[in-house]
Every structure is written in C-alpha cells, then in structure tokens.
Amino acid sequence: MIVPETQIRTAGPDDEDALAALDRAAWSTLHAVQPAPVEPYAPFFDERHPPGDYLVAVRGDVLVGYVRVVAPTPLAVNAHVRQIQGLVVAGSARGQGVARALLRAAMDRAREEGATRITLRVLGHNAPARALYAAEGFVVEGVLPGEFLIDGEYVDDVLMGRSLIR
C-alpha cells in the first residue's frame, strides 16, 4: 500500500466539519478529560479556538490529524512560550509519522512566532503520546498526581516542555 505524502498547513474555516468529525472519532479516555461528545455538537471553531490556532495534516484530500498550538496565557511575561493544547491523529493514519510531523510543525511555527519554549500537558496513562514527546526532546517538568478521575481511576496530569532554541 502506498501512503500519500502528509502535507501540514494552517487550518481554514472550511476544515471545521472534517476537524469536528475527526475529533469525535478519535475521542478516548486515553487523552480526553471531557465526556464523549454527544449531539447536538458544539462548533469546533469558536472565539477561543479560531482556525489559525490549528495546523492540520492532510493526505491527498483527507484531513488525518491536527495540532493546536497557542500562547498559554495573554501575559507579556510568558509571550516567549507556546503550548500544545491538542494533538489528534485519525486511527487510519496512526503509526505512520503523522503525529511526529504535526509536533515538529508546531515547534517550527512556535519558533517562527518568536517562541523559545514549548509546553504541553498529557495524561499520565497515555504512554504512546508520552513516548513521542520524549523522543522529540520534551521532558517531564512536573506531575499533578491524581489530578483527574477518569472511569473511576485517578490519573496524573503530566507537564512536559522543551527549549526551542537550536
């Protein structure tokens, strides 16, 4: 099977339906702290989540993943930081380098915006995501033990970060 090349680009308003469908299909307690989405679905894009905050991975004409990378706060004192607030890959594209490509594109975008540091939060039981982040230079900078109660189990919130200075 030949896998089409993955293209990474900034999301646009026309991507909303595909992103919403991808987000719903990928929902899992492995990475979600909110309940599974139910109809009627909220809009994917809104005032706090505009298209420009997202990079999307596209193969052929199919959207197969996204990453949201934003300033963690509106404060000038940490304007040098960007935060990943969501990374999703379609089940059909997992294990094919899409998440890694999105993560690298997020770091490149952060550098282009003048950031010198990037952070993220990941659930402690999400071993595949933690391994990817570690392989890309992220280190654990803190742990909030038992921060979330998911399916009757307490789950740690793991804070990871890395420098963007080459």
N, C-alpha and C. Protein backbone atom coordinates (compact mmCIF):
# COMPACT_ATOMS: atom_id res chain seq x y z
N MET A 1 0.84 -1.18 0.00
CA MET A 1 0.00 0.00 0.00
C MET A 1 0.88 1.24 0.00
N ILE A 2 0.62 2.16 -0.89
CA ILE A 2 1.36 3.42 -0.96
C ILE A 2 0.61 4.46 -0.15
N VAL A 3 1.33 5.08 0.79
CA VAL A 3 0.72 6.11 1.64
C VAL A 3 1.06 7.47 1.03
N PRO A 4 0.04 8.28 0.75
CA PRO A 4 0.32 9.61 0.20
C PRO A 4 1.14 10.45 1.19
N GLU A 5 1.90 11.38 0.66
CA GLU A 5 2.71 12.27 1.49
C GLU A 5 1.79 13.12 2.36
N THR A 6 2.25 13.35 3.58
CA THR A 6 1.49 14.18 4.52
C THR A 6 1.87 15.64 4.32
N GLN A 7 0.88 16.47 4.09
CA GLN A 7 1.07 17.91 3.98
C GLN A 7 0.56 18.56 5.27
N ILE A 8 1.31 19.51 5.81
CA ILE A 8 0.89 20.23 7.01
C ILE A 8 0.61 21.66 6.60
N ARG A 9 -0.54 22.16 7.02
CA ARG A 9 -0.91 23.55 6.72
C ARG A 9 -1.77 24.10 7.85
N THR A 10 -1.94 25.40 7.83
CA THR A 10 -2.83 26.05 8.80
C THR A 10 -4.27 25.72 8.44
N ALA A 11 -5.07 25.44 9.45
CA ALA A 11 -6.49 25.16 9.21
C ALA A 11 -7.20 26.40 8.70
N GLY A 12 -8.26 26.17 7.96
CA GLY A 12 -9.12 27.25 7.49
C GLY A 12 -10.56 26.97 7.90
N PRO A 13 -11.43 27.94 7.75
CA PRO A 13 -12.84 27.75 8.13
C PRO A 13 -13.50 26.55 7.45
N ASP A 14 -13.08 26.23 6.24
CA ASP A 14 -13.67 25.10 5.52
C ASP A 14 -13.30 23.74 6.12
N ASP A 15 -12.33 23.72 7.05
CA ASP A 15 -11.91 22.47 7.68
C ASP A 15 -12.77 22.09 8.89
N GLU A 16 -13.68 22.96 9.27
CA GLU A 16 -14.42 22.75 10.53
C GLU A 16 -15.12 21.39 10.60
N ASP A 17 -15.88 21.02 9.59
CA ASP A 17 -16.62 19.77 9.64
C ASP A 17 -15.69 18.56 9.73
N ALA A 18 -14.62 18.57 8.95
CA ALA A 18 -13.67 17.45 8.98
C ALA A 18 -12.96 17.36 10.33
N LEU A 19 -12.59 18.50 10.87
CA LEU A 19 -11.93 18.51 12.18
C LEU A 19 -12.87 18.03 13.28
N ALA A 20 -14.10 18.48 13.23
CA ALA A 20 -15.08 18.06 14.23
C ALA A 20 -15.31 16.55 14.16
N ALA A 21 -15.43 16.02 12.95
CA ALA A 21 -15.65 14.58 12.77
C ALA A 21 -14.43 13.80 13.26
N LEU A 22 -13.23 14.27 12.93
CA LEU A 22 -12.01 13.62 13.38
C LEU A 22 -11.93 13.63 14.90
N ASP A 23 -12.22 14.77 15.50
CA ASP A 23 -12.16 14.90 16.95
C ASP A 23 -13.12 13.93 17.63
N ARG A 24 -14.33 13.83 17.11
CA ARG A 24 -15.31 12.91 17.69
C ARG A 24 -14.88 11.46 17.52
N ALA A 25 -14.37 11.13 16.34
CA ALA A 25 -13.97 9.74 16.06
C ALA A 25 -12.77 9.32 16.91
N ALA A 26 -11.90 10.26 17.22
CA ALA A 26 -10.68 9.94 17.97
C ALA A 26 -10.87 10.02 19.48
N TRP A 27 -12.03 10.45 19.94
CA TRP A 27 -12.24 10.62 21.38
C TRP A 27 -11.91 9.32 22.12
N SER A 28 -11.17 9.46 23.23
CA SER A 28 -10.79 8.31 24.04
C SER A 28 -10.42 8.79 25.43
N THR A 29 -10.66 7.96 26.43
CA THR A 29 -10.24 8.30 27.79
C THR A 29 -8.72 8.25 27.93
N LEU A 30 -8.03 7.79 26.90
CA LEU A 30 -6.57 7.81 26.93
C LEU A 30 -6.05 9.24 26.94
N HIS A 31 -6.80 10.15 26.30
CA HIS A 31 -6.32 11.53 26.21
C HIS A 31 -7.37 12.59 26.56
N ALA A 32 -8.62 12.21 26.72
CA ALA A 32 -9.67 13.21 26.95
C ALA A 32 -10.07 13.27 28.42
N VAL A 33 -10.28 14.48 28.90
CA VAL A 33 -10.77 14.65 30.27
C VAL A 33 -12.24 15.10 30.27
N GLN A 34 -12.75 15.41 29.10
CA GLN A 34 -14.16 15.75 28.96
C GLN A 34 -14.94 14.51 28.56
N PRO A 35 -16.24 14.48 28.86
CA PRO A 35 -17.05 13.34 28.43
C PRO A 35 -17.09 13.23 26.90
N ALA A 36 -17.42 12.04 26.43
CA ALA A 36 -17.55 11.83 24.99
C ALA A 36 -18.57 12.81 24.42
N PRO A 37 -18.31 13.36 23.26
CA PRO A 37 -19.25 14.32 22.67
C PRO A 37 -20.57 13.66 22.30
N VAL A 38 -21.65 14.41 22.49
CA VAL A 38 -22.99 13.94 22.11
C VAL A 38 -23.69 15.06 21.35
N GLU A 39 -24.65 14.66 20.54
CA GLU A 39 -25.42 15.65 19.78
C GLU A 39 -26.33 16.42 20.71
N PRO A 40 -26.60 17.66 20.45
CA PRO A 40 -26.06 18.47 19.34
C PRO A 40 -24.62 18.89 19.66
N TYR A 41 -23.75 18.75 18.68
CA TYR A 41 -22.34 19.05 18.86
C TYR A 41 -22.09 20.54 18.86
N ALA A 42 -21.19 20.97 19.72
CA ALA A 42 -20.77 22.37 19.74
C ALA A 42 -19.90 22.61 18.51
N PRO A 43 -19.82 23.84 18.04
CA PRO A 43 -18.93 24.14 16.91
C PRO A 43 -17.48 23.80 17.26
N PHE A 44 -16.72 23.34 16.29
CA PHE A 44 -15.30 23.06 16.53
C PHE A 44 -14.54 24.36 16.72
N PHE A 45 -14.78 25.31 15.82
CA PHE A 45 -14.16 26.63 15.93
C PHE A 45 -15.08 27.55 16.71
N ASP A 46 -14.49 28.38 17.55
CA ASP A 46 -15.25 29.41 18.26
C ASP A 46 -14.30 30.56 18.57
N GLU A 47 -14.74 31.49 19.36
CA GLU A 47 -13.93 32.69 19.65
C GLU A 47 -12.59 32.33 20.29
N ARG A 48 -12.59 31.31 21.13
CA ARG A 48 -11.36 30.90 21.82
C ARG A 48 -10.54 29.88 21.03
N HIS A 49 -11.12 29.32 19.97
CA HIS A 49 -10.46 28.28 19.18
C HIS A 49 -10.61 28.59 17.68
N PRO A 50 -9.99 29.66 17.20
CA PRO A 50 -10.12 30.01 15.77
C PRO A 50 -9.27 29.10 14.88
N PRO A 51 -9.59 29.03 13.60
CA PRO A 51 -8.85 28.16 12.67
C PRO A 51 -7.34 28.39 12.70
N GLY A 52 -6.90 29.61 12.84
CA GLY A 52 -5.48 29.92 12.80
C GLY A 52 -4.66 29.30 13.91
N ASP A 53 -5.31 28.80 14.96
CA ASP A 53 -4.60 28.14 16.06
C ASP A 53 -4.23 26.70 15.73
N TYR A 54 -4.75 26.19 14.63
CA TYR A 54 -4.58 24.78 14.30
C TYR A 54 -3.71 24.58 13.07
N LEU A 55 -2.86 23.58 13.15
CA LEU A 55 -2.17 23.05 11.98
C LEU A 55 -2.83 21.71 11.68
N VAL A 56 -3.08 21.45 10.42
CA VAL A 56 -3.74 20.20 10.04
C VAL A 56 -2.81 19.38 9.15
N ALA A 57 -2.95 18.06 9.27
CA ALA A 57 -2.22 17.12 8.43
C ALA A 57 -3.21 16.59 7.40
N VAL A 58 -2.81 16.68 6.14
CA VAL A 58 -3.67 16.25 5.04
C VAL A 58 -2.90 15.27 4.17
N ARG A 59 -3.59 14.18 3.81
CA ARG A 59 -3.03 13.20 2.87
C ARG A 59 -4.02 13.11 1.71
N GLY A 60 -3.55 13.48 0.54
CA GLY A 60 -4.46 13.57 -0.60
C GLY A 60 -5.47 14.66 -0.27
N ASP A 61 -6.74 14.31 -0.25
CA ASP A 61 -7.79 15.26 0.11
C ASP A 61 -8.36 14.98 1.49
N VAL A 62 -7.70 14.10 2.26
CA VAL A 62 -8.25 13.67 3.54
C VAL A 62 -7.48 14.29 4.70
N LEU A 63 -8.21 14.95 5.58
CA LEU A 63 -7.63 15.52 6.79
C LEU A 63 -7.42 14.37 7.78
N VAL A 64 -6.16 14.14 8.19
CA VAL A 64 -5.85 12.98 9.03
C VAL A 64 -5.33 13.34 10.42
N GLY A 65 -5.22 14.62 10.72
CA GLY A 65 -4.76 15.00 12.05
C GLY A 65 -4.70 16.49 12.24
N TYR A 66 -4.54 16.87 13.50
CA TYR A 66 -4.37 18.29 13.81
C TYR A 66 -3.58 18.46 15.10
N VAL A 67 -2.99 19.63 15.23
CA VAL A 67 -2.38 20.06 16.48
C VAL A 67 -2.79 21.51 16.71
N ARG A 68 -3.11 21.83 17.95
CA ARG A 68 -3.44 23.21 18.32
C ARG A 68 -2.28 23.74 19.13
N VAL A 69 -1.70 24.85 18.68
CA VAL A 69 -0.57 25.45 19.37
C VAL A 69 -0.85 26.93 19.58
N VAL A 70 -0.81 27.36 20.85
CA VAL A 70 -1.21 28.71 21.23
C VAL A 70 -0.32 29.26 22.33
N ALA A 71 -0.44 30.56 22.57
CA ALA A 71 0.18 31.15 23.75
C ALA A 71 -0.59 30.63 24.97
N PRO A 72 0.11 30.20 26.03
CA PRO A 72 -0.60 29.64 27.17
C PRO A 72 -1.41 30.66 27.96
N THR A 73 -0.99 31.90 27.91
CA THR A 73 -1.73 32.99 28.59
C THR A 73 -1.59 34.25 27.76
N PRO A 74 -2.40 35.27 28.05
CA PRO A 74 -2.23 36.55 27.35
C PRO A 74 -1.16 37.45 27.98
N LEU A 75 -0.44 36.95 28.98
CA LEU A 75 0.54 37.75 29.70
C LEU A 75 1.82 37.97 28.90
N ALA A 76 2.32 39.20 28.92
CA ALA A 76 3.56 39.52 28.21
C ALA A 76 4.76 38.78 28.79
N VAL A 77 4.72 38.46 30.07
CA VAL A 77 5.86 37.81 30.71
C VAL A 77 6.11 36.38 30.25
N ASN A 78 5.13 35.77 29.59
CA ASN A 78 5.42 34.45 29.02
C ASN A 78 5.04 34.38 27.54
N ALA A 79 5.19 35.51 26.87
CA ALA A 79 4.92 35.57 25.42
C ALA A 79 5.93 34.74 24.64
N HIS A 80 7.02 34.36 25.27
CA HIS A 80 8.04 33.54 24.61
C HIS A 80 7.71 32.05 24.64
N VAL A 81 6.55 31.70 25.20
CA VAL A 81 6.15 30.30 25.35
C VAL A 81 4.95 30.01 24.46
N ARG A 82 4.94 28.82 23.86
CA ARG A 82 3.76 28.31 23.19
C ARG A 82 3.38 27.00 23.86
N GLN A 83 2.10 26.68 23.77
CA GLN A 83 1.61 25.46 24.40
C GLN A 83 0.80 24.64 23.40
N ILE A 84 1.06 23.36 23.37
CA ILE A 84 0.26 22.45 22.56
C ILE A 84 -0.97 22.11 23.38
N GLN A 85 -2.13 22.38 22.82
CA GLN A 85 -3.39 22.12 23.50
C GLN A 85 -4.26 21.23 22.63
N GLY A 86 -3.73 20.09 22.29
CA GLY A 86 -4.47 19.12 21.48
C GLY A 86 -3.66 18.63 20.31
N LEU A 87 -3.56 17.32 20.21
CA LEU A 87 -2.89 16.67 19.08
C LEU A 87 -3.70 15.40 18.81
N VAL A 88 -4.29 15.32 17.63
CA VAL A 88 -5.16 14.20 17.28
C VAL A 88 -4.77 13.68 15.90
N VAL A 89 -4.73 12.34 15.79
CA VAL A 89 -4.46 11.69 14.51
C VAL A 89 -5.56 10.65 14.27
N ALA A 90 -6.06 10.59 13.06
CA ALA A 90 -7.07 9.60 12.69
C ALA A 90 -6.53 8.20 12.91
N GLY A 91 -7.40 7.30 13.36
CA GLY A 91 -6.99 5.92 13.58
C GLY A 91 -6.33 5.30 12.37
N SER A 92 -6.84 5.61 11.18
CA SER A 92 -6.30 5.04 9.94
C SER A 92 -4.90 5.54 9.61
N ALA A 93 -4.45 6.62 10.26
CA ALA A 93 -3.13 7.20 9.96
C ALA A 93 -2.15 7.04 11.12
N ARG A 94 -2.55 6.40 12.18
CA ARG A 94 -1.65 6.23 13.33
C ARG A 94 -0.51 5.29 12.98
N GLY A 95 0.65 5.58 13.59
CA GLY A 95 1.82 4.76 13.36
C GLY A 95 2.52 5.05 12.05
N GLN A 96 2.15 6.15 11.39
CA GLN A 96 2.72 6.48 10.08
C GLN A 96 3.47 7.82 10.10
N GLY A 97 3.78 8.35 11.29
CA GLY A 97 4.57 9.57 11.39
C GLY A 97 3.77 10.86 11.36
N VAL A 98 2.45 10.78 11.34
CA VAL A 98 1.63 11.98 11.27
C VAL A 98 1.76 12.82 12.54
N ALA A 99 1.68 12.19 13.70
CA ALA A 99 1.78 12.92 14.96
C ALA A 99 3.15 13.60 15.07
N ARG A 100 4.19 12.89 14.69
CA ARG A 100 5.54 13.46 14.74
C ARG A 100 5.65 14.66 13.79
N ALA A 101 5.09 14.54 12.60
CA ALA A 101 5.14 15.65 11.64
C ALA A 101 4.37 16.86 12.19
N LEU A 102 3.21 16.62 12.79
CA LEU A 102 2.44 17.71 13.38
C LEU A 102 3.20 18.36 14.54
N LEU A 103 3.81 17.55 15.38
CA LEU A 103 4.56 18.07 16.52
C LEU A 103 5.73 18.92 16.05
N ARG A 104 6.45 18.46 15.06
CA ARG A 104 7.59 19.22 14.52
C ARG A 104 7.11 20.51 13.86
N ALA A 105 5.98 20.45 13.16
CA ALA A 105 5.43 21.66 12.54
C ALA A 105 4.99 22.67 13.61
N ALA A 106 4.45 22.17 14.71
CA ALA A 106 4.05 23.05 15.81
C ALA A 106 5.27 23.76 16.39
N MET A 107 6.37 23.02 16.55
CA MET A 107 7.59 23.63 17.08
C MET A 107 8.15 24.65 16.09
N ASP A 108 8.11 24.33 14.80
CA ASP A 108 8.58 25.28 13.79
C ASP A 108 7.74 26.56 13.82
N ARG A 109 6.42 26.40 13.90
CA ARG A 109 5.55 27.58 13.95
C ARG A 109 5.85 28.41 15.19
N ALA A 110 6.02 27.75 16.32
CA ALA A 110 6.32 28.47 17.56
C ALA A 110 7.61 29.27 17.41
N ARG A 111 8.63 28.67 16.81
CA ARG A 111 9.89 29.39 16.58
C ARG A 111 9.66 30.59 15.67
N GLU A 112 8.88 30.40 14.60
CA GLU A 112 8.59 31.49 13.67
C GLU A 112 7.90 32.65 14.37
N GLU A 113 7.12 32.34 15.39
CA GLU A 113 6.41 33.37 16.16
C GLU A 113 7.30 33.97 17.25
N GLY A 114 8.55 33.53 17.34
CA GLY A 114 9.48 34.08 18.31
C GLY A 114 9.54 33.36 19.63
N ALA A 115 8.86 32.23 19.73
CA ALA A 115 8.88 31.47 20.98
C ALA A 115 10.23 30.79 21.17
N THR A 116 10.63 30.67 22.42
CA THR A 116 11.88 29.99 22.75
C THR A 116 11.63 28.73 23.59
N ARG A 117 10.36 28.48 23.88
CA ARG A 117 9.99 27.35 24.72
C ARG A 117 8.59 26.86 24.33
N ILE A 118 8.37 25.54 24.47
CA ILE A 118 7.05 24.98 24.18
C ILE A 118 6.70 23.97 25.27
N THR A 119 5.44 23.96 25.67
CA THR A 119 4.99 23.08 26.74
C THR A 119 3.74 22.33 26.31
N LEU A 120 3.37 21.35 27.10
CA LEU A 120 2.12 20.61 26.87
C LEU A 120 1.77 19.88 28.15
N ARG A 121 0.56 19.38 28.18
CA ARG A 121 0.09 18.55 29.28
C ARG A 121 -0.42 17.25 28.66
N VAL A 122 -0.12 16.14 29.31
CA VAL A 122 -0.52 14.84 28.81
C VAL A 122 -0.94 13.98 30.00
N LEU A 123 -1.94 13.15 29.79
CA LEU A 123 -2.38 12.28 30.86
C LEU A 123 -1.31 11.22 31.13
N GLY A 124 -1.11 10.94 32.40
CA GLY A 124 -0.05 10.02 32.81
C GLY A 124 -0.15 8.64 32.20
N HIS A 125 -1.38 8.18 31.92
CA HIS A 125 -1.55 6.84 31.38
C HIS A 125 -1.44 6.78 29.85
N ASN A 126 -1.18 7.92 29.21
CA ASN A 126 -1.07 7.96 27.75
C ASN A 126 0.38 7.70 27.33
N ALA A 127 0.80 6.45 27.49
CA ALA A 127 2.19 6.07 27.21
C ALA A 127 2.62 6.35 25.77
N PRO A 128 1.78 6.09 24.74
CA PRO A 128 2.24 6.37 23.38
C PRO A 128 2.56 7.86 23.16
N ALA A 129 1.70 8.74 23.66
CA ALA A 129 1.94 10.18 23.49
C ALA A 129 3.18 10.60 24.27
N ARG A 130 3.31 10.13 25.49
CA ARG A 130 4.49 10.50 26.31
C ARG A 130 5.78 10.04 25.63
N ALA A 131 5.77 8.86 25.03
CA ALA A 131 6.97 8.36 24.35
C ALA A 131 7.31 9.24 23.14
N LEU A 132 6.29 9.63 22.37
CA LEU A 132 6.53 10.52 21.23
C LEU A 132 7.13 11.84 21.70
N TYR A 133 6.51 12.45 22.71
CA TYR A 133 7.01 13.73 23.20
C TYR A 133 8.45 13.62 23.70
N ALA A 134 8.75 12.57 24.44
CA ALA A 134 10.11 12.37 24.93
C ALA A 134 11.09 12.20 23.76
N ALA A 135 10.69 11.47 22.74
CA ALA A 135 11.55 11.26 21.57
C ALA A 135 11.82 12.57 20.83
N GLU A 136 10.92 13.54 20.99
CA GLU A 136 11.09 14.84 20.33
C GLU A 136 11.69 15.89 21.28
N GLY A 137 12.25 15.44 22.39
CA GLY A 137 13.00 16.33 23.27
C GLY A 137 12.24 16.92 24.43
N PHE A 138 10.98 16.57 24.60
CA PHE A 138 10.21 17.06 25.74
C PHE A 138 10.62 16.27 26.98
N VAL A 139 10.68 16.97 28.11
CA VAL A 139 10.99 16.32 29.38
C VAL A 139 9.86 16.62 30.36
N VAL A 140 9.69 15.73 31.31
CA VAL A 140 8.69 15.93 32.36
C VAL A 140 9.18 17.05 33.26
N GLU A 141 8.36 18.08 33.41
CA GLU A 141 8.70 19.22 34.25
C GLU A 141 7.84 19.29 35.51
N GLY A 142 6.84 18.46 35.56
CA GLY A 142 6.00 18.40 36.75
C GLY A 142 4.90 17.39 36.58
N VAL A 143 4.38 16.93 37.71
CA VAL A 143 3.29 15.97 37.70
C VAL A 143 2.28 16.42 38.76
N LEU A 144 1.02 16.46 38.36
CA LEU A 144 -0.07 16.70 39.31
C LEU A 144 -0.69 15.32 39.56
N PRO A 145 -0.31 14.67 40.66
CA PRO A 145 -0.77 13.31 40.90
C PRO A 145 -2.29 13.24 41.09
N GLY A 146 -2.91 12.27 40.44
CA GLY A 146 -4.34 12.04 40.61
C GLY A 146 -5.20 13.24 40.28
N GLU A 147 -4.78 14.07 39.36
CA GLU A 147 -5.48 15.31 39.03
C GLU A 147 -6.86 15.08 38.43
N PHE A 148 -7.02 13.97 37.73
CA PHE A 148 -8.30 13.68 37.06
C PHE A 148 -8.83 12.32 37.51
N LEU A 149 -10.15 12.24 37.61
CA LEU A 149 -10.82 10.97 37.90
C LEU A 149 -11.51 10.55 36.61
N ILE A 150 -10.95 9.54 35.95
CA ILE A 150 -11.44 9.09 34.65
C ILE A 150 -11.82 7.62 34.76
N ASP A 151 -13.07 7.33 34.47
CA ASP A 151 -13.57 5.95 34.55
C ASP A 151 -13.25 5.31 35.90
N GLY A 152 -13.40 6.08 36.97
CA GLY A 152 -13.19 5.56 38.31
C GLY A 152 -11.74 5.43 38.73
N GLU A 153 -10.81 5.87 37.90
CA GLU A 153 -9.38 5.78 38.21
C GLU A 153 -8.78 7.18 38.27
N TYR A 154 -7.92 7.42 39.26
CA TYR A 154 -7.21 8.70 39.33
C TYR A 154 -6.05 8.67 38.34
N VAL A 155 -5.94 9.73 37.57
CA VAL A 155 -4.93 9.82 36.51
C VAL A 155 -4.11 11.08 36.71
N ASP A 156 -2.79 10.95 36.59
CA ASP A 156 -1.90 12.09 36.73
C ASP A 156 -1.98 13.00 35.52
N ASP A 157 -1.75 14.28 35.77
CA ASP A 157 -1.60 15.28 34.71
C ASP A 157 -0.10 15.57 34.63
N VAL A 158 0.53 15.22 33.53
CA VAL A 158 1.97 15.34 33.38
C VAL A 158 2.28 16.58 32.54
N LEU A 159 3.10 17.45 33.09
CA LEU A 159 3.51 18.67 32.41
C LEU A 159 4.86 18.42 31.75
N MET A 160 4.95 18.67 30.45
CA MET A 160 6.20 18.45 29.72
C MET A 160 6.56 19.73 28.96
N GLY A 161 7.82 19.92 28.72
CA GLY A 161 8.26 21.08 27.97
C GLY A 161 9.65 20.87 27.40
N ARG A 162 10.03 21.81 26.55
CA ARG A 162 11.36 21.79 25.95
C ARG A 162 11.73 23.16 25.42
N SER A 163 13.00 23.37 25.26
CA SER A 163 13.50 24.58 24.65
C SER A 163 13.32 24.49 23.14
N LEU A 164 13.12 25.65 22.52
CA LEU A 164 13.03 25.72 21.07
C LEU A 164 14.29 26.34 20.47
N ILE A 165 15.24 26.65 21.31
CA ILE A 165 16.50 27.24 20.84
C ILE A 165 17.37 26.12 20.30
N ARG A 166 17.81 26.29 19.07
CA ARG A 166 18.62 25.23 18.42
C ARG A 166 20.07 25.40 18.74
